[in-house]
Amino acid sequence: MTIRAAADGSALGNPGPAGWAWYVDDDRWAAGGWPRNTNNVGELTAVLELLRATVDEDDDLHILCDSQYVIKACTEWMAGWKRKGWRKADGKPVMNVEIIKELDLALQGRKVRFEWVKGHIGHEMNEAADIRARTAAEAFQAKRAVPSGPGWPGKPVTTVASVAAEPEAPATLF
């Protein structure tokens, strides 16, 4: 069996109030965020929190994601960055390196497949994750409680805000 989930991040301003969310269905989803962070950190955190929530599952994981940055970081670039001491081909440090390292550990031994989906075109699962990530960012902006979701069965929901904003993080991949 395969767990199919969407992961998304949102930032109101970049950086600005930011949120992340993963979504399997209305009974299995989680969200969180920060008063100030970037969309890329939100996107990365959504995947990391999904991996953490499902760590005890034997099922493969199929992650739907609208961020090419996240997909390429996890599937193409990470091994090279690691070999080069977490530096890019140009010798500059990898942005968001702390969360990238956490993702590297969380992906070890897991059967994970990423699928890029175009954002904001009505893809049901991606839209569900997007709405929850944006709602988390809006909650931080308004200084109100973040709807964190039911989480994964048998796992406590963590409204992670452990990854500090990195001011040099790019607003977009390009």
N, C-alpha and C. Protein backbone atom coordinates (compact mmCIF):
# COMPACT_ATOMS: atom_id res chain seq x y z
N MET A 1 0.84 -1.18 0.00
CA MET A 1 0.00 0.00 0.00
C MET A 1 0.89 1.25 0.00
N THR A 2 0.38 2.32 -0.53
CA THR A 2 1.10 3.58 -0.60
C THR A 2 0.28 4.69 0.04
N ILE A 3 0.93 5.47 0.87
CA ILE A 3 0.30 6.66 1.44
C ILE A 3 0.50 7.78 0.43
N ARG A 4 -0.58 8.39 0.01
CA ARG A 4 -0.52 9.49 -0.96
C ARG A 4 -0.87 10.77 -0.21
N ALA A 5 0.03 11.75 -0.25
CA ALA A 5 -0.17 12.99 0.50
C ALA A 5 0.32 14.18 -0.29
N ALA A 6 -0.26 15.34 -0.01
CA ALA A 6 0.21 16.59 -0.58
C ALA A 6 0.91 17.38 0.52
N ALA A 7 1.94 18.13 0.13
CA ALA A 7 2.68 18.97 1.07
C ALA A 7 2.82 20.35 0.44
N ASP A 8 2.62 21.40 1.25
CA ASP A 8 2.71 22.75 0.69
C ASP A 8 3.13 23.74 1.76
N GLY A 9 3.67 24.85 1.30
CA GLY A 9 4.06 25.95 2.17
C GLY A 9 3.49 27.25 1.65
N SER A 10 3.46 28.25 2.53
CA SER A 10 2.90 29.54 2.16
C SER A 10 3.62 30.63 2.93
N ALA A 11 3.82 31.77 2.32
CA ALA A 11 4.37 32.93 3.01
C ALA A 11 3.63 34.18 2.54
N LEU A 12 3.26 35.01 3.48
CA LEU A 12 2.59 36.28 3.19
C LEU A 12 3.66 37.36 3.23
N GLY A 13 4.28 37.57 2.11
CA GLY A 13 5.53 38.32 2.08
C GLY A 13 6.61 37.26 2.11
N ASN A 14 7.76 37.57 1.65
CA ASN A 14 8.76 36.50 1.56
C ASN A 14 10.14 37.04 1.87
N PRO A 15 10.52 37.08 3.15
CA PRO A 15 9.85 36.42 4.27
C PRO A 15 8.68 37.24 4.81
N GLY A 16 7.87 36.54 5.57
CA GLY A 16 6.71 37.11 6.23
C GLY A 16 6.07 36.02 7.05
N PRO A 17 4.87 36.26 7.57
CA PRO A 17 4.18 35.18 8.26
C PRO A 17 4.08 33.99 7.30
N ALA A 18 4.42 32.81 7.81
CA ALA A 18 4.52 31.65 6.92
C ALA A 18 3.87 30.43 7.54
N GLY A 19 3.44 29.52 6.68
CA GLY A 19 2.82 28.29 7.14
C GLY A 19 3.23 27.11 6.30
N TRP A 20 2.99 25.94 6.84
CA TRP A 20 3.24 24.68 6.14
C TRP A 20 2.05 23.78 6.42
N ALA A 21 1.82 22.81 5.55
CA ALA A 21 0.78 21.81 5.78
C ALA A 21 1.03 20.58 4.93
N TRP A 22 0.66 19.44 5.49
CA TRP A 22 0.57 18.22 4.69
C TRP A 22 -0.86 17.72 4.82
N TYR A 23 -1.32 17.02 3.78
CA TYR A 23 -2.72 16.59 3.72
C TYR A 23 -2.82 15.22 3.05
N VAL A 24 -3.47 14.30 3.75
CA VAL A 24 -3.81 12.99 3.17
C VAL A 24 -5.31 12.96 2.90
N ASP A 25 -6.09 13.29 3.91
CA ASP A 25 -7.53 13.42 3.79
C ASP A 25 -8.01 14.27 4.97
N ASP A 26 -9.32 14.47 5.08
CA ASP A 26 -9.83 15.36 6.12
C ASP A 26 -9.58 14.85 7.53
N ASP A 27 -9.26 13.58 7.68
CA ASP A 27 -8.96 13.01 9.00
C ASP A 27 -7.47 12.90 9.28
N ARG A 28 -6.65 13.15 8.27
CA ARG A 28 -5.19 13.04 8.43
C ARG A 28 -4.51 14.22 7.74
N TRP A 29 -4.23 15.24 8.52
CA TRP A 29 -3.51 16.41 8.02
C TRP A 29 -2.93 17.17 9.21
N ALA A 30 -1.94 17.97 8.93
CA ALA A 30 -1.34 18.80 9.98
C ALA A 30 -0.82 20.09 9.36
N ALA A 31 -0.73 21.12 10.20
CA ALA A 31 -0.26 22.43 9.75
C ALA A 31 0.43 23.15 10.90
N GLY A 32 1.26 24.09 10.54
CA GLY A 32 1.95 24.93 11.52
C GLY A 32 2.61 26.08 10.79
N GLY A 33 3.45 26.80 11.49
CA GLY A 33 4.11 27.92 10.83
C GLY A 33 4.92 28.77 11.78
N TRP A 34 5.17 30.00 11.35
CA TRP A 34 6.05 30.93 12.06
C TRP A 34 5.57 32.36 11.85
N PRO A 35 5.94 33.24 12.75
CA PRO A 35 5.63 34.66 12.54
C PRO A 35 6.37 35.25 11.34
N ARG A 36 7.55 34.69 11.04
CA ARG A 36 8.33 35.20 9.90
C ARG A 36 9.20 34.08 9.35
N ASN A 37 9.01 33.77 8.08
CA ASN A 37 9.83 32.79 7.40
C ASN A 37 9.58 32.90 5.90
N THR A 38 10.15 31.99 5.12
CA THR A 38 9.99 32.03 3.66
C THR A 38 9.09 30.91 3.17
N ASN A 39 8.60 31.05 1.94
CA ASN A 39 7.79 29.99 1.36
C ASN A 39 8.59 28.71 1.22
N ASN A 40 9.89 28.82 0.89
CA ASN A 40 10.69 27.61 0.72
C ASN A 40 10.83 26.84 2.03
N VAL A 41 11.02 27.54 3.14
CA VAL A 41 11.09 26.85 4.43
C VAL A 41 9.74 26.20 4.73
N GLY A 42 8.65 26.86 4.39
CA GLY A 42 7.33 26.26 4.57
C GLY A 42 7.17 24.99 3.74
N GLU A 43 7.59 25.04 2.50
CA GLU A 43 7.50 23.86 1.62
C GLU A 43 8.35 22.71 2.16
N LEU A 44 9.58 23.00 2.54
CA LEU A 44 10.48 21.97 3.08
C LEU A 44 9.94 21.38 4.37
N THR A 45 9.42 22.24 5.24
CA THR A 45 8.90 21.78 6.53
C THR A 45 7.68 20.90 6.35
N ALA A 46 6.83 21.21 5.39
CA ALA A 46 5.66 20.37 5.14
C ALA A 46 6.08 18.94 4.83
N VAL A 47 7.09 18.78 3.99
CA VAL A 47 7.58 17.44 3.66
C VAL A 47 8.22 16.79 4.87
N LEU A 48 9.03 17.54 5.61
CA LEU A 48 9.69 16.99 6.79
C LEU A 48 8.67 16.53 7.82
N GLU A 49 7.65 17.33 8.08
CA GLU A 49 6.64 16.95 9.07
C GLU A 49 5.82 15.76 8.60
N LEU A 50 5.57 15.64 7.31
CA LEU A 50 4.90 14.45 6.77
C LEU A 50 5.76 13.21 7.00
N LEU A 51 7.04 13.32 6.72
CA LEU A 51 7.95 12.19 6.94
C LEU A 51 7.99 11.80 8.41
N ARG A 52 8.02 12.78 9.29
CA ARG A 52 8.03 12.50 10.74
C ARG A 52 6.73 11.84 11.18
N ALA A 53 5.61 12.34 10.67
CA ALA A 53 4.31 11.79 11.07
C ALA A 53 4.14 10.34 10.65
N THR A 54 4.72 9.98 9.52
CA THR A 54 4.53 8.64 8.97
C THR A 54 5.73 7.72 9.17
N VAL A 55 6.65 8.12 10.02
CA VAL A 55 7.91 7.38 10.19
C VAL A 55 7.70 5.92 10.58
N ASP A 56 6.66 5.61 11.33
CA ASP A 56 6.44 4.24 11.79
C ASP A 56 5.62 3.40 10.81
N GLU A 57 5.24 3.98 9.70
CA GLU A 57 4.45 3.26 8.70
C GLU A 57 5.38 2.47 7.78
N ASP A 58 4.94 1.27 7.41
CA ASP A 58 5.72 0.45 6.47
C ASP A 58 5.39 0.77 5.01
N ASP A 59 4.32 1.52 4.81
CA ASP A 59 3.88 1.83 3.45
C ASP A 59 4.83 2.80 2.75
N ASP A 60 4.88 2.69 1.43
CA ASP A 60 5.61 3.67 0.63
C ASP A 60 4.90 5.02 0.78
N LEU A 61 5.60 6.08 0.49
CA LEU A 61 5.04 7.42 0.59
C LEU A 61 5.13 8.11 -0.77
N HIS A 62 4.01 8.59 -1.26
CA HIS A 62 3.92 9.30 -2.54
C HIS A 62 3.55 10.74 -2.20
N ILE A 63 4.50 11.66 -2.38
CA ILE A 63 4.30 13.05 -1.98
C ILE A 63 4.02 13.92 -3.21
N LEU A 64 2.87 14.55 -3.21
CA LEU A 64 2.50 15.51 -4.25
C LEU A 64 2.97 16.88 -3.78
N CYS A 65 3.70 17.57 -4.63
CA CYS A 65 4.32 18.82 -4.22
C CYS A 65 4.37 19.78 -5.40
N ASP A 66 4.05 21.05 -5.17
CA ASP A 66 4.10 22.02 -6.27
C ASP A 66 5.41 22.81 -6.28
N SER A 67 6.37 22.39 -5.46
CA SER A 67 7.66 23.08 -5.38
C SER A 67 8.76 22.27 -6.05
N GLN A 68 9.22 22.75 -7.20
CA GLN A 68 10.36 22.10 -7.86
C GLN A 68 11.60 22.17 -6.97
N TYR A 69 11.75 23.25 -6.22
CA TYR A 69 12.88 23.39 -5.30
C TYR A 69 12.92 22.23 -4.32
N VAL A 70 11.81 21.92 -3.69
CA VAL A 70 11.76 20.84 -2.71
C VAL A 70 12.03 19.50 -3.38
N ILE A 71 11.37 19.25 -4.48
CA ILE A 71 11.53 17.96 -5.16
C ILE A 71 12.98 17.76 -5.60
N LYS A 72 13.55 18.77 -6.23
CA LYS A 72 14.94 18.63 -6.69
C LYS A 72 15.92 18.57 -5.52
N ALA A 73 15.65 19.33 -4.46
CA ALA A 73 16.52 19.27 -3.29
C ALA A 73 16.56 17.86 -2.72
N CYS A 74 15.40 17.21 -2.66
CA CYS A 74 15.31 15.87 -2.05
C CYS A 74 15.72 14.74 -2.99
N THR A 75 15.57 14.94 -4.29
CA THR A 75 15.81 13.82 -5.22
C THR A 75 17.04 13.97 -6.09
N GLU A 76 17.50 15.19 -6.34
CA GLU A 76 18.62 15.40 -7.25
C GLU A 76 19.83 16.04 -6.59
N TRP A 77 19.62 17.10 -5.85
CA TRP A 77 20.73 17.93 -5.39
C TRP A 77 21.35 17.48 -4.08
N MET A 78 20.56 16.86 -3.20
CA MET A 78 21.01 16.58 -1.84
C MET A 78 22.30 15.77 -1.78
N ALA A 79 22.39 14.72 -2.56
CA ALA A 79 23.59 13.86 -2.52
C ALA A 79 24.84 14.65 -2.87
N GLY A 80 24.77 15.48 -3.89
CA GLY A 80 25.92 16.30 -4.28
C GLY A 80 26.26 17.33 -3.23
N TRP A 81 25.25 17.96 -2.67
CA TRP A 81 25.48 18.95 -1.61
C TRP A 81 26.20 18.29 -0.43
N LYS A 82 25.73 17.11 -0.10
CA LYS A 82 26.31 16.38 1.04
C LYS A 82 27.78 16.06 0.77
N ARG A 83 28.06 15.55 -0.43
CA ARG A 83 29.45 15.22 -0.81
C ARG A 83 30.36 16.45 -0.75
N LYS A 84 29.79 17.61 -1.07
CA LYS A 84 30.58 18.84 -1.11
C LYS A 84 30.55 19.59 0.23
N GLY A 85 30.18 18.90 1.30
CA GLY A 85 30.13 19.56 2.61
C GLY A 85 29.01 20.58 2.71
N TRP A 86 27.86 20.25 2.10
CA TRP A 86 26.67 21.10 2.09
C TRP A 86 26.94 22.43 1.41
N ARG A 87 27.65 22.33 0.29
CA ARG A 87 27.90 23.50 -0.55
C ARG A 87 27.38 23.19 -1.96
N LYS A 88 26.98 24.25 -2.64
CA LYS A 88 26.49 24.11 -4.01
C LYS A 88 27.67 24.03 -4.97
N ALA A 89 27.39 23.80 -6.23
CA ALA A 89 28.44 23.67 -7.24
C ALA A 89 29.31 24.91 -7.33
N ASP A 90 28.72 26.08 -7.04
CA ASP A 90 29.50 27.33 -7.09
C ASP A 90 30.30 27.58 -5.81
N GLY A 91 30.24 26.63 -4.86
CA GLY A 91 30.99 26.75 -3.62
C GLY A 91 30.26 27.50 -2.52
N LYS A 92 29.12 28.09 -2.85
CA LYS A 92 28.35 28.82 -1.84
C LYS A 92 27.58 27.82 -0.97
N PRO A 93 27.31 28.20 0.29
CA PRO A 93 26.56 27.30 1.17
C PRO A 93 25.13 27.07 0.66
N VAL A 94 24.63 25.89 0.93
CA VAL A 94 23.25 25.53 0.59
C VAL A 94 22.32 26.34 1.48
N MET A 95 21.32 26.96 0.88
CA MET A 95 20.31 27.68 1.65
C MET A 95 19.43 26.68 2.40
N ASN A 96 18.94 27.09 3.54
CA ASN A 96 18.05 26.25 4.36
C ASN A 96 18.71 24.94 4.74
N VAL A 97 20.02 24.97 4.95
CA VAL A 97 20.80 23.75 5.14
C VAL A 97 20.36 22.93 6.35
N GLU A 98 19.95 23.57 7.43
CA GLU A 98 19.57 22.80 8.62
C GLU A 98 18.36 21.92 8.34
N ILE A 99 17.36 22.47 7.71
CA ILE A 99 16.17 21.66 7.41
C ILE A 99 16.48 20.65 6.31
N ILE A 100 17.36 20.99 5.37
CA ILE A 100 17.76 20.04 4.33
C ILE A 100 18.46 18.84 4.98
N LYS A 101 19.30 19.09 5.97
CA LYS A 101 19.96 17.99 6.69
C LYS A 101 18.94 17.12 7.42
N GLU A 102 17.93 17.76 8.02
CA GLU A 102 16.87 16.99 8.69
C GLU A 102 16.11 16.14 7.68
N LEU A 103 15.84 16.68 6.52
CA LEU A 103 15.18 15.91 5.47
C LEU A 103 16.04 14.74 5.03
N ASP A 104 17.33 14.96 4.90
CA ASP A 104 18.25 13.89 4.52
C ASP A 104 18.13 12.72 5.50
N LEU A 105 18.13 13.02 6.78
CA LEU A 105 17.99 11.96 7.79
C LEU A 105 16.61 11.30 7.72
N ALA A 106 15.57 12.10 7.57
CA ALA A 106 14.20 11.57 7.56
C ALA A 106 13.93 10.71 6.33
N LEU A 107 14.63 10.95 5.24
CA LEU A 107 14.44 10.17 4.02
C LEU A 107 15.20 8.84 4.04
N GLN A 108 16.18 8.70 4.92
CA GLN A 108 16.99 7.48 4.98
C GLN A 108 16.12 6.25 5.22
N GLY A 109 16.25 5.26 4.36
CA GLY A 109 15.52 4.01 4.51
C GLY A 109 14.05 4.07 4.16
N ARG A 110 13.58 5.20 3.68
CA ARG A 110 12.16 5.34 3.34
C ARG A 110 11.98 5.16 1.84
N LYS A 111 10.86 4.58 1.46
CA LYS A 111 10.48 4.49 0.05
C LYS A 111 9.55 5.67 -0.24
N VAL A 112 10.14 6.72 -0.81
CA VAL A 112 9.40 7.96 -1.05
C VAL A 112 9.49 8.31 -2.52
N ARG A 113 8.35 8.64 -3.09
CA ARG A 113 8.30 9.12 -4.47
C ARG A 113 7.66 10.50 -4.47
N PHE A 114 8.32 11.43 -5.12
CA PHE A 114 7.78 12.78 -5.26
C PHE A 114 7.14 12.92 -6.63
N GLU A 115 6.04 13.66 -6.65
CA GLU A 115 5.39 13.99 -7.92
C GLU A 115 5.09 15.48 -7.93
N TRP A 116 5.56 16.15 -8.97
CA TRP A 116 5.27 17.57 -9.10
C TRP A 116 3.85 17.74 -9.60
N VAL A 117 3.11 18.63 -8.95
CA VAL A 117 1.78 19.02 -9.40
C VAL A 117 1.77 20.53 -9.55
N LYS A 118 1.13 21.00 -10.58
CA LYS A 118 1.04 22.45 -10.77
C LYS A 118 0.14 23.02 -9.68
N GLY A 119 0.62 24.06 -9.02
CA GLY A 119 -0.15 24.67 -7.95
C GLY A 119 -1.24 25.59 -8.46
N HIS A 120 -2.26 25.74 -7.63
CA HIS A 120 -3.31 26.74 -7.85
C HIS A 120 -4.12 26.52 -9.13
N ILE A 121 -4.30 25.25 -9.49
CA ILE A 121 -5.15 24.97 -10.67
C ILE A 121 -6.30 24.02 -10.32
N GLY A 122 -6.52 23.82 -9.03
CA GLY A 122 -7.65 23.01 -8.62
C GLY A 122 -7.34 21.55 -8.31
N HIS A 123 -6.06 21.17 -8.23
CA HIS A 123 -5.72 19.80 -7.83
C HIS A 123 -6.20 19.63 -6.38
N GLU A 124 -7.14 18.72 -6.16
CA GLU A 124 -7.84 18.62 -4.89
C GLU A 124 -6.91 18.50 -3.68
N MET A 125 -5.97 17.59 -3.70
CA MET A 125 -5.10 17.40 -2.54
C MET A 125 -4.14 18.57 -2.37
N ASN A 126 -3.58 19.07 -3.47
CA ASN A 126 -2.67 20.21 -3.38
C ASN A 126 -3.41 21.44 -2.85
N GLU A 127 -4.62 21.64 -3.31
CA GLU A 127 -5.41 22.78 -2.83
C GLU A 127 -5.71 22.64 -1.34
N ALA A 128 -6.00 21.42 -0.89
CA ALA A 128 -6.27 21.21 0.54
C ALA A 128 -5.04 21.54 1.38
N ALA A 129 -3.87 21.13 0.93
CA ALA A 129 -2.64 21.47 1.66
C ALA A 129 -2.37 22.97 1.58
N ASP A 130 -2.57 23.56 0.41
CA ASP A 130 -2.33 24.99 0.22
C ASP A 130 -3.23 25.83 1.14
N ILE A 131 -4.50 25.50 1.20
CA ILE A 131 -5.44 26.24 2.05
C ILE A 131 -5.00 26.17 3.50
N ARG A 132 -4.59 25.00 3.95
CA ARG A 132 -4.17 24.84 5.35
C ARG A 132 -2.86 25.58 5.64
N ALA A 133 -1.92 25.55 4.71
CA ALA A 133 -0.66 26.29 4.89
C ALA A 133 -0.92 27.79 4.92
N ARG A 134 -1.75 28.26 4.01
CA ARG A 134 -2.08 29.69 3.96
C ARG A 134 -2.85 30.11 5.22
N THR A 135 -3.75 29.26 5.69
CA THR A 135 -4.50 29.56 6.91
C THR A 135 -3.56 29.66 8.11
N ALA A 136 -2.55 28.80 8.16
CA ALA A 136 -1.55 28.88 9.24
C ALA A 136 -0.79 30.20 9.16
N ALA A 137 -0.37 30.59 7.97
CA ALA A 137 0.35 31.86 7.80
C ALA A 137 -0.54 33.04 8.21
N GLU A 138 -1.80 32.99 7.80
CA GLU A 138 -2.74 34.06 8.15
C GLU A 138 -2.97 34.12 9.66
N ALA A 139 -2.99 32.95 10.31
CA ALA A 139 -3.15 32.92 11.77
C ALA A 139 -1.96 33.59 12.45
N PHE A 140 -0.76 33.32 11.97
CA PHE A 140 0.41 34.00 12.53
C PHE A 140 0.35 35.50 12.28
N GLN A 141 -0.09 35.88 11.10
CA GLN A 141 -0.20 37.30 10.77
C GLN A 141 -1.19 38.00 11.71
N ALA A 142 -2.30 37.33 12.01
CA ALA A 142 -3.34 37.89 12.87
C ALA A 142 -3.09 37.62 14.36
N LYS A 143 -2.02 36.90 14.66
CA LYS A 143 -1.67 36.55 16.04
C LYS A 143 -2.80 35.78 16.73
N ARG A 144 -3.32 34.79 16.00
CA ARG A 144 -4.34 33.93 16.59
C ARG A 144 -3.88 32.47 16.49
N ALA A 145 -4.60 31.59 17.13
CA ALA A 145 -4.22 30.17 17.17
C ALA A 145 -4.19 29.58 15.76
N VAL A 146 -3.22 28.72 15.54
CA VAL A 146 -3.06 28.06 14.25
C VAL A 146 -3.85 26.76 14.26
N PRO A 147 -4.75 26.55 13.29
CA PRO A 147 -5.43 25.25 13.20
C PRO A 147 -4.40 24.19 12.80
N SER A 148 -4.05 23.32 13.74
CA SER A 148 -2.94 22.39 13.50
C SER A 148 -3.38 21.06 12.91
N GLY A 149 -4.68 20.78 12.92
CA GLY A 149 -5.18 19.55 12.31
C GLY A 149 -5.15 18.35 13.23
N PRO A 150 -5.73 17.25 12.77
CA PRO A 150 -5.75 16.02 13.57
C PRO A 150 -4.43 15.27 13.57
N GLY A 151 -3.55 15.57 12.60
CA GLY A 151 -2.27 14.86 12.52
C GLY A 151 -2.44 13.46 11.96
N TRP A 152 -1.49 12.61 12.31
CA TRP A 152 -1.50 11.22 11.88
C TRP A 152 -2.04 10.38 13.02
N PRO A 153 -2.87 9.36 12.74
CA PRO A 153 -3.43 8.54 13.82
C PRO A 153 -2.35 8.00 14.76
N GLY A 154 -2.55 8.22 16.05
CA GLY A 154 -1.62 7.73 17.05
C GLY A 154 -0.39 8.59 17.26
N LYS A 155 -0.30 9.69 16.55
CA LYS A 155 0.86 10.59 16.69
C LYS A 155 0.37 11.95 17.18
N PRO A 156 1.09 12.53 18.13
CA PRO A 156 0.71 13.88 18.54
C PRO A 156 1.01 14.88 17.43
N VAL A 157 0.17 15.89 17.31
CA VAL A 157 0.41 16.93 16.32
C VAL A 157 1.46 17.88 16.88
N THR A 158 2.46 18.16 16.08
CA THR A 158 3.46 19.15 16.47
C THR A 158 3.31 20.35 15.55
N THR A 159 3.10 21.50 16.14
CA THR A 159 3.03 22.71 15.33
C THR A 159 4.43 23.29 15.29
N VAL A 160 5.23 22.69 14.48
CA VAL A 160 6.66 22.99 14.42
C VAL A 160 6.93 24.42 14.03
N ALA A 161 7.75 25.04 14.82
CA ALA A 161 8.30 26.35 14.49
C ALA A 161 9.78 26.30 14.85
N SER A 162 10.37 25.10 14.71
CA SER A 162 11.74 24.89 15.17
C SER A 162 12.79 25.35 14.18
N VAL A 163 12.41 25.54 12.95
CA VAL A 163 13.39 25.96 11.95
C VAL A 163 13.34 27.48 11.87
N ALA A 164 14.39 28.12 12.31
CA ALA A 164 14.43 29.58 12.31
C ALA A 164 14.50 30.11 10.89
N ALA A 165 13.96 31.28 10.71
CA ALA A 165 14.05 31.92 9.40
C ALA A 165 15.51 32.22 9.09
N GLU A 166 15.90 31.94 7.88
CA GLU A 166 17.25 32.26 7.44
C GLU A 166 17.14 33.49 6.55
N PRO A 167 17.62 34.64 7.02
CA PRO A 167 17.40 35.87 6.25
C PRO A 167 17.97 35.83 4.84
N GLU A 168 18.98 35.02 4.60
CA GLU A 168 19.56 34.97 3.27
C GLU A 168 18.85 33.99 2.35
N ALA A 169 17.81 33.32 2.87
CA ALA A 169 17.10 32.34 2.05
C ALA A 169 16.43 33.05 0.87
N PRO A 170 16.53 32.46 -0.31
CA PRO A 170 15.94 33.10 -1.48
C PRO A 170 14.42 33.03 -1.44
N ALA A 171 13.79 34.03 -1.98
CA ALA A 171 12.34 34.06 -2.03
C ALA A 171 11.81 33.00 -2.99
N THR A 172 12.55 32.74 -4.04
CA THR A 172 12.16 31.71 -5.00
C THR A 172 13.41 30.96 -5.42
N LEU A 173 13.22 29.88 -6.12
CA LEU A 173 14.35 29.08 -6.57
C LEU A 173 15.19 29.84 -7.60
N PHE A 174 14.57 30.57 -8.46
CA PHE A 174 15.29 31.23 -9.56
C PHE A 174 15.38 32.72 -9.34
